[in-house]
Amino acid sequence: MFSLEFIVIFVAIVLGGLILQHLLLSATKDDPPFIKGTLPFLGSALSFARDPHSLLHGLQKKYGKIFTLYLAGERMTFLSDPIFGNRQAWNNNTSVSLALFQQYIAQTLFSFTKSVGADLEFQDKLAKKVTSVLSSKPLLADITRTLRTAYLSLVDDISQYANCDEEVIDLYEYCRHNMYYSSARALFGPGFPFNEIYQPYIRFEDDITKFVKRYPRFLNRGGCNARQKVLEALGSFVADPSKVAQSSVLVRSLYDIFMSSTYKSPADLAGYFFAIIFASKSNSVPAAFWVLANIVADAGLKAEIEGIIAKHYDSESDEFEWPALLEDPLITYRNRLSYNHHLG
């Protein structure tokens, strides 16, 4: 149908266009350092897919704490320092838009409905409500007290790890289960469907890189099915106002914003509160793990902590003197040292 000469000319034009487009790529005024890579259109995509950690770590050393990569037709900005990066992003959202990043992540990971994900003004309203609640010392103290109460209840038979009888357990899984349970109860209250959501959520979390890399569904079927189960359980939860009424002031405040908007369906709320679950434990689980790992790895410290715990335990009543234990200056100081050691 087409002559060889036509095909050659067509391919040459396409390749020439890609090369020219690549040569013209550059950072605009006030943009962070821009790395366009060596390959037309793909940019640094192959290097990123092969070993993202090494690539990003090397670019951080070379270009600083904030930089932009060109990946398969898209500019992607990386913030490698939470304080510096967030300040730069909020002050210069024409070149580093956190709102657009949030929109991308929300739809890719948590399956926001398109209407909610596309409404950046509504997303900003929700974000400001989160900031205002967490900036209030009384409100934050109330959430913290509930979190502590929920976590302490795990010492009883509620936790699957309460009666291990010297079994060897995975320390990270232990932290993940306990922090998930306590943070979920502290935020969403006693009506939260913990047992229905936990295993699907863990499967989703284990496959999260597949979502970020946008694997097709047939290569991430398990992760997609797990995410759907979480969304369905959350949808049932938010569809029951009596259960939401028992949740924290943060969740109730966000719920009220949804109810006063056009986004009132369980599907609208489920995607957003899915993201809240993720945010509530994405940092707390690693922090808890490293605190415990440092204690377990140091025989002297472990024996010291065990002695403090024993001092505040009444064998006759089989109960702990929690206020005294939690306020013990030595155990508080030791945990702070372990956490700071992990942070470097």
Protein backbone atom coordinates (compact mmCIF):
# COMPACT_ATOMS: atom_id res chain seq x y z
CA MET A 1 0.00 0.00 0.00
CA PHE A 2 2.77 2.41 0.94
CA SER A 3 6.08 2.54 -0.81
CA LEU A 4 9.32 1.95 1.08
CA GLU A 5 10.34 5.53 0.35
CA PHE A 6 7.16 6.88 1.97
CA ILE A 7 7.65 4.76 5.07
CA VAL A 8 11.27 5.89 5.43
CA ILE A 9 10.29 9.56 5.08
CA PHE A 10 7.44 9.17 7.58
CA VAL A 11 9.69 7.48 10.17
CA ALA A 12 12.36 10.13 9.63
CA ILE A 13 9.84 12.92 10.23
CA VAL A 14 8.54 11.30 13.43
CA LEU A 15 12.05 10.69 14.77
CA GLY A 16 13.13 14.19 13.77
CA GLY A 17 10.14 15.66 15.60
CA LEU A 18 10.93 13.68 18.76
CA ILE A 19 14.59 14.70 18.67
CA LEU A 20 13.71 18.36 18.10
CA GLN A 21 11.14 18.28 20.92
CA HIS A 22 13.76 16.75 23.22
CA LEU A 23 16.37 19.37 22.31
CA LEU A 24 13.91 22.17 23.06
CA LEU A 25 13.04 20.84 26.52
CA SER A 26 14.23 23.12 29.28
CA ALA A 27 13.27 24.53 32.64
CA THR A 28 11.28 27.75 32.68
CA LYS A 29 11.87 30.67 35.01
CA ASP A 30 11.77 29.82 38.72
CA ASP A 31 11.57 26.08 38.01
CA PRO A 32 13.76 23.68 40.01
CA PRO A 33 16.73 22.02 38.23
CA PHE A 34 15.46 20.10 35.20
CA ILE A 35 16.88 16.73 34.10
CA LYS A 36 15.54 15.76 30.71
CA GLY A 37 17.62 12.60 30.22
CA THR A 38 19.25 11.41 27.03
CA LEU A 39 16.46 9.64 25.14
CA PRO A 40 13.82 11.53 23.12
CA PHE A 41 10.35 11.31 24.71
CA LEU A 42 11.46 8.67 27.26
CA GLY A 43 13.91 11.02 28.98
CA SER A 44 15.07 9.27 32.16
CA ALA A 45 12.20 6.76 32.22
CA LEU A 46 14.32 3.66 31.63
CA SER A 47 16.82 4.55 34.35
CA PHE A 48 13.96 5.34 36.73
CA ALA A 49 12.19 2.05 36.03
CA ARG A 50 15.42 0.05 36.40
CA ASP A 51 16.63 1.51 39.72
CA PRO A 52 14.67 4.54 41.00
CA HIS A 53 16.44 4.69 44.38
CA SER A 54 19.96 4.95 42.95
CA LEU A 55 18.87 7.43 40.29
CA LEU A 56 17.06 9.75 42.70
CA HIS A 57 19.78 9.51 45.34
CA GLY A 58 22.45 10.45 42.79
CA LEU A 59 20.39 13.36 41.44
CA GLN A 60 19.80 14.62 44.98
CA LYS A 61 23.57 14.78 45.57
CA LYS A 62 24.10 16.56 42.26
CA TYR A 63 21.14 18.95 42.07
CA GLY A 64 19.95 19.42 45.65
CA LYS A 65 16.73 18.75 47.53
CA ILE A 66 14.25 19.52 44.77
CA PHE A 67 14.50 18.72 41.07
CA THR A 68 12.35 17.78 38.09
CA LEU A 69 12.71 14.67 35.91
CA TYR A 70 11.34 14.22 32.42
CA LEU A 71 9.74 10.77 32.29
CA ALA A 72 7.99 9.51 29.16
CA GLY A 73 6.44 12.80 28.17
CA GLU A 74 5.75 14.08 31.69
CA ARG A 75 7.65 16.38 34.03
CA MET A 76 7.78 14.91 37.53
CA THR A 77 9.13 16.99 40.42
CA PHE A 78 10.74 15.23 43.39
CA LEU A 79 10.93 16.72 46.89
CA SER A 80 13.64 14.98 48.89
CA ASP A 81 13.32 17.12 52.00
CA PRO A 82 9.90 17.55 53.65
CA ILE A 83 10.56 20.99 55.19
CA PHE A 84 12.45 22.65 52.35
CA GLY A 85 10.45 20.91 49.66
CA ASN A 86 7.01 21.72 51.04
CA ARG A 87 7.94 25.36 51.54
CA GLN A 88 9.17 25.66 47.96
CA ALA A 89 6.11 23.90 46.58
CA TRP A 90 3.54 25.97 48.44
CA ASN A 91 5.33 29.24 47.62
CA ASN A 92 5.78 28.44 43.94
CA ASN A 93 2.87 26.28 42.83
CA THR A 94 3.11 27.48 39.24
CA SER A 95 6.17 25.28 38.72
CA VAL A 96 5.69 22.71 41.49
CA SER A 97 1.99 22.09 41.98
CA LEU A 98 1.22 20.02 45.05
CA ALA A 99 -2.44 20.17 44.11
CA LEU A 100 -1.81 18.47 40.77
CA PHE A 101 0.47 15.92 42.43
CA GLN A 102 -2.20 15.24 45.02
CA GLN A 103 -4.76 14.81 42.27
CA TYR A 104 -2.53 12.32 40.44
CA ILE A 105 -1.77 10.28 43.57
CA ALA A 106 -5.38 10.35 44.77
CA GLN A 107 -6.77 8.91 41.56
CA THR A 108 -3.89 6.48 40.96
CA LEU A 109 -3.70 4.98 44.44
CA PHE A 110 -6.99 5.53 46.23
CA SER A 111 -9.38 5.54 43.31
CA PHE A 112 -11.01 8.90 44.04
CA THR A 113 -14.04 9.52 41.88
CA LYS A 114 -13.06 11.76 38.98
CA SER A 115 -15.31 14.59 40.14
CA VAL A 116 -13.71 14.74 43.60
CA GLY A 117 -10.19 14.32 42.27
CA ALA A 118 -10.61 17.05 39.67
CA ASP A 119 -12.07 19.61 42.09
CA LEU A 120 -8.83 21.15 43.36
CA GLU A 121 -10.68 23.88 45.26
CA PHE A 122 -12.61 21.24 47.19
CA GLN A 123 -9.39 19.31 47.86
CA ASP A 124 -7.81 22.48 49.22
CA LYS A 125 -10.79 23.00 51.53
CA LEU A 126 -10.34 19.49 52.92
CA ALA A 127 -6.60 19.99 53.36
CA LYS A 128 -7.14 23.22 55.29
CA LYS A 129 -9.62 21.46 57.59
CA VAL A 130 -7.05 18.73 58.33
CA THR A 131 -4.45 21.40 59.12
CA SER A 132 -6.81 23.36 61.37
CA VAL A 133 -7.82 20.27 63.38
CA LEU A 134 -4.27 19.01 63.81
CA SER A 135 -3.09 22.53 64.73
CA SER A 136 -5.55 22.67 67.63
CA LYS A 137 -3.86 21.40 70.79
CA PRO A 138 -7.12 20.33 72.51
CA LEU A 139 -8.39 18.48 69.43
CA LEU A 140 -5.03 16.84 68.81
CA ALA A 141 -4.78 15.87 72.49
CA ASP A 142 -8.21 14.21 72.26
CA ILE A 143 -7.13 12.13 69.24
CA THR A 144 -3.87 11.24 70.99
CA ARG A 145 -5.71 10.05 74.12
CA THR A 146 -7.98 7.86 72.02
CA LEU A 147 -4.98 6.51 70.13
CA ARG A 148 -3.23 5.64 73.39
CA THR A 149 -6.35 3.97 74.82
CA ALA A 150 -6.84 1.91 71.67
CA TYR A 151 -3.20 0.84 71.63
CA LEU A 152 -3.16 -0.12 75.31
CA SER A 153 -6.22 -2.31 74.77
CA LEU A 154 -4.04 -4.48 72.53
CA VAL A 155 -2.27 -5.81 75.62
CA ASP A 156 -5.47 -7.75 76.34
CA ASP A 157 -6.92 -10.48 74.14
CA ILE A 158 -7.92 -8.02 71.39
CA SER A 159 -4.58 -8.34 69.63
CA GLN A 160 -3.65 -11.44 67.66
CA TYR A 161 -0.21 -11.09 69.29
CA ALA A 162 -1.49 -11.01 72.89
CA ASN A 163 -0.82 -14.71 73.57
CA CYS A 164 2.10 -15.73 71.41
CA ASP A 165 3.61 -18.13 74.00
CA GLU A 166 7.18 -17.32 72.97
CA GLU A 167 6.44 -17.78 69.29
CA VAL A 168 8.73 -15.99 66.87
CA ILE A 169 6.84 -13.12 65.26
CA ASP A 170 7.65 -10.69 62.48
CA LEU A 171 8.41 -7.41 64.23
CA TYR A 172 7.33 -5.27 61.29
CA GLU A 173 4.03 -7.14 60.93
CA TYR A 174 3.51 -6.73 64.68
CA CYS A 175 3.97 -2.95 64.37
CA ARG A 176 1.85 -2.78 61.26
CA HIS A 177 -1.07 -4.64 62.85
CA ASN A 178 -1.01 -2.75 66.15
CA MET A 179 -0.52 0.73 64.67
CA TYR A 180 -3.18 0.08 62.06
CA TYR A 181 -5.67 -1.08 64.67
CA SER A 182 -5.03 1.76 67.13
CA SER A 183 -4.90 4.55 64.52
CA ALA A 184 -8.04 3.24 62.79
CA ARG A 185 -9.95 3.12 66.08
CA ALA A 186 -8.66 6.54 67.14
CA LEU A 187 -9.71 8.17 63.88
CA PHE A 188 -12.84 6.23 62.89
CA GLY A 189 -14.21 5.02 66.22
CA PRO A 190 -15.50 1.61 67.37
CA GLY A 191 -17.77 1.17 64.36
CA PHE A 192 -14.85 1.00 61.93
CA PRO A 193 -14.80 -2.38 60.08
CA PHE A 194 -11.26 -3.26 61.15
CA ASN A 195 -11.36 -6.99 60.44
CA GLU A 196 -12.96 -6.55 57.02
CA ILE A 197 -10.41 -3.99 55.87
CA TYR A 198 -7.10 -5.03 57.41
CA GLN A 199 -6.04 -7.95 55.17
CA PRO A 200 -7.16 -6.30 51.89
CA TYR A 201 -5.45 -3.08 52.96
CA ILE A 202 -2.18 -4.93 53.66
CA ARG A 203 -2.36 -6.56 50.23
CA PHE A 204 -2.96 -3.16 48.65
CA GLU A 205 -0.03 -1.66 50.56
CA ASP A 206 2.29 -4.49 49.51
CA ASP A 207 1.41 -3.85 45.85
CA ILE A 208 1.50 -0.07 46.05
CA THR A 209 4.52 0.28 43.73
CA LYS A 210 2.51 -1.45 41.00
CA PHE A 211 -0.16 1.24 41.31
CA VAL A 212 2.43 4.03 41.25
CA LYS A 213 4.03 2.52 38.15
CA ARG A 214 0.57 2.13 36.63
CA TYR A 215 0.77 -1.58 35.96
CA PRO A 216 -2.14 -2.78 33.82
CA ARG A 217 -4.83 -4.53 35.81
CA PHE A 218 -3.92 -8.01 34.56
CA LEU A 219 -0.44 -7.57 36.12
CA ASN A 220 -1.84 -6.20 39.39
CA ARG A 221 -5.07 -8.12 39.74
CA GLY A 222 -4.50 -8.97 43.42
CA GLY A 223 -3.78 -5.37 44.38
CA CYS A 224 -6.76 -4.03 42.44
CA ASN A 225 -9.14 -6.58 43.97
CA ALA A 226 -7.82 -5.77 47.45
CA ARG A 227 -8.29 -2.05 46.88
CA GLN A 228 -11.85 -2.63 45.77
CA LYS A 229 -12.60 -4.58 48.95
CA VAL A 230 -11.26 -1.71 51.06
CA LEU A 231 -13.35 0.81 49.13
CA GLU A 232 -16.50 -1.28 49.49
CA ALA A 233 -16.03 -1.66 53.26
CA LEU A 234 -15.32 2.06 53.66
CA GLY A 235 -18.35 2.87 51.52
CA SER A 236 -20.55 0.83 53.86
CA PHE A 237 -19.03 2.56 56.88
CA VAL A 238 -19.59 6.14 55.66
CA ALA A 239 -23.12 5.24 54.53
CA ASP A 240 -24.04 4.76 58.20
CA PRO A 241 -24.14 8.18 59.94
CA SER A 242 -24.47 6.52 63.36
CA LYS A 243 -21.04 4.92 62.93
CA VAL A 244 -19.45 8.11 61.60
CA ALA A 245 -20.85 9.97 64.61
CA GLN A 246 -18.61 7.86 66.89
CA SER A 247 -15.44 8.78 64.99
CA SER A 248 -12.88 11.47 65.83
CA VAL A 249 -13.49 15.19 65.38
CA LEU A 250 -11.16 15.10 62.36
CA VAL A 251 -13.20 12.49 60.50
CA ARG A 252 -16.52 14.09 61.51
CA SER A 253 -15.33 17.50 60.29
CA LEU A 254 -14.23 16.11 56.93
CA TYR A 255 -17.46 14.13 56.64
CA ASP A 256 -19.49 17.31 57.23
CA ILE A 257 -17.63 19.06 54.41
CA PHE A 258 -18.56 16.24 52.05
CA MET A 259 -22.19 16.28 53.23
CA SER A 260 -22.49 20.01 52.57
CA SER A 261 -21.10 19.60 49.05
CA THR A 262 -22.27 17.79 45.94
CA TYR A 263 -20.00 14.85 46.78
CA LYS A 264 -22.17 12.82 49.13
CA SER A 265 -22.04 9.32 47.72
CA PRO A 266 -20.25 6.50 49.58
CA ALA A 267 -17.89 6.22 46.60
CA ASP A 268 -16.89 9.90 46.93
CA LEU A 269 -16.12 9.52 50.63
CA ALA A 270 -14.53 6.07 50.44
CA GLY A 271 -11.65 7.16 48.22
CA TYR A 272 -10.84 10.15 50.40
CA PHE A 273 -10.97 8.28 53.70
CA PHE A 274 -8.89 5.52 52.11
CA ALA A 275 -6.17 8.17 51.75
CA ILE A 276 -6.68 9.19 55.41
CA ILE A 277 -6.06 5.60 56.51
CA PHE A 278 -2.87 5.51 54.46
CA ALA A 279 -1.65 8.83 55.86
CA SER A 280 -2.40 7.82 59.45
CA LYS A 281 -0.02 4.87 59.37
CA SER A 282 2.49 5.39 56.56
CA ASN A 283 4.96 7.07 58.95
CA SER A 284 3.84 5.67 62.29
CA VAL A 285 4.52 2.03 61.40
CA PRO A 286 8.20 2.50 60.37
CA ALA A 287 8.77 4.76 63.39
CA ALA A 288 7.29 2.16 65.77
CA PHE A 289 9.30 -0.60 64.12
CA TRP A 290 12.64 1.19 64.48
CA VAL A 291 11.97 2.15 68.09
CA LEU A 292 11.30 -1.50 68.96
CA ALA A 293 14.09 -2.79 66.73
CA ASN A 294 16.64 -0.59 68.52
CA ILE A 295 15.41 -1.83 71.90
CA VAL A 296 15.46 -5.51 70.88
CA ALA A 297 18.90 -5.22 69.26
CA ASP A 298 20.50 -3.77 72.41
CA ALA A 299 20.59 -6.44 75.15
CA GLY A 300 21.32 -3.94 77.90
CA LEU A 301 18.59 -1.57 76.82
CA LYS A 302 16.13 -4.46 76.41
CA ALA A 303 16.82 -5.67 79.97
CA GLU A 304 16.46 -2.12 81.27
CA ILE A 305 13.08 -1.64 79.57
CA GLU A 306 11.86 -5.04 80.78
CA GLY A 307 12.78 -4.06 84.34
CA ILE A 308 10.79 -0.85 84.08
CA ILE A 309 7.77 -2.72 82.71
CA ALA A 310 7.97 -5.31 85.48
CA LYS A 311 8.12 -2.56 88.08
CA HIS A 312 4.74 -1.22 86.95
CA TYR A 313 3.00 -4.60 86.61
CA ASP A 314 0.76 -6.07 89.33
CA SER A 315 0.80 -9.86 89.01
CA GLU A 316 -2.15 -10.34 91.37
CA SER A 317 -4.53 -8.22 89.33
CA ASP A 318 -2.71 -8.96 86.05
CA GLU A 319 -2.79 -5.25 85.21
CA PHE A 320 -0.30 -2.53 84.41
CA GLU A 321 -0.08 0.83 86.14
CA TRP A 322 -0.28 2.56 82.79
CA PRO A 323 0.02 6.23 83.89
CA ALA A 324 3.17 5.51 85.90
CA LEU A 325 4.63 3.31 83.16
CA LEU A 326 3.99 5.80 80.37
CA GLU A 327 5.34 8.69 82.39
CA ASP A 328 8.48 6.91 83.55
CA PRO A 329 11.25 9.39 82.64
CA LEU A 330 13.77 6.72 81.73
CA ILE A 331 11.56 4.79 79.31
CA THR A 332 10.38 8.04 77.70
CA TYR A 333 13.97 9.23 77.32
CA ARG A 334 15.16 5.89 75.95
CA ASN A 335 12.41 5.72 73.35
CA ARG A 336 13.18 9.25 72.24
CA LEU A 337 16.86 8.33 71.83
CA SER A 338 15.97 5.23 69.80
CA TYR A 339 13.65 7.21 67.53
CA ASN A 340 16.18 10.00 67.01
CA HIS A 341 18.88 7.43 66.29
CA HIS A 342 16.70 5.99 63.53
CA LEU A 343 16.15 9.44 62.06
CA GLY A 344 19.90 9.96 61.94
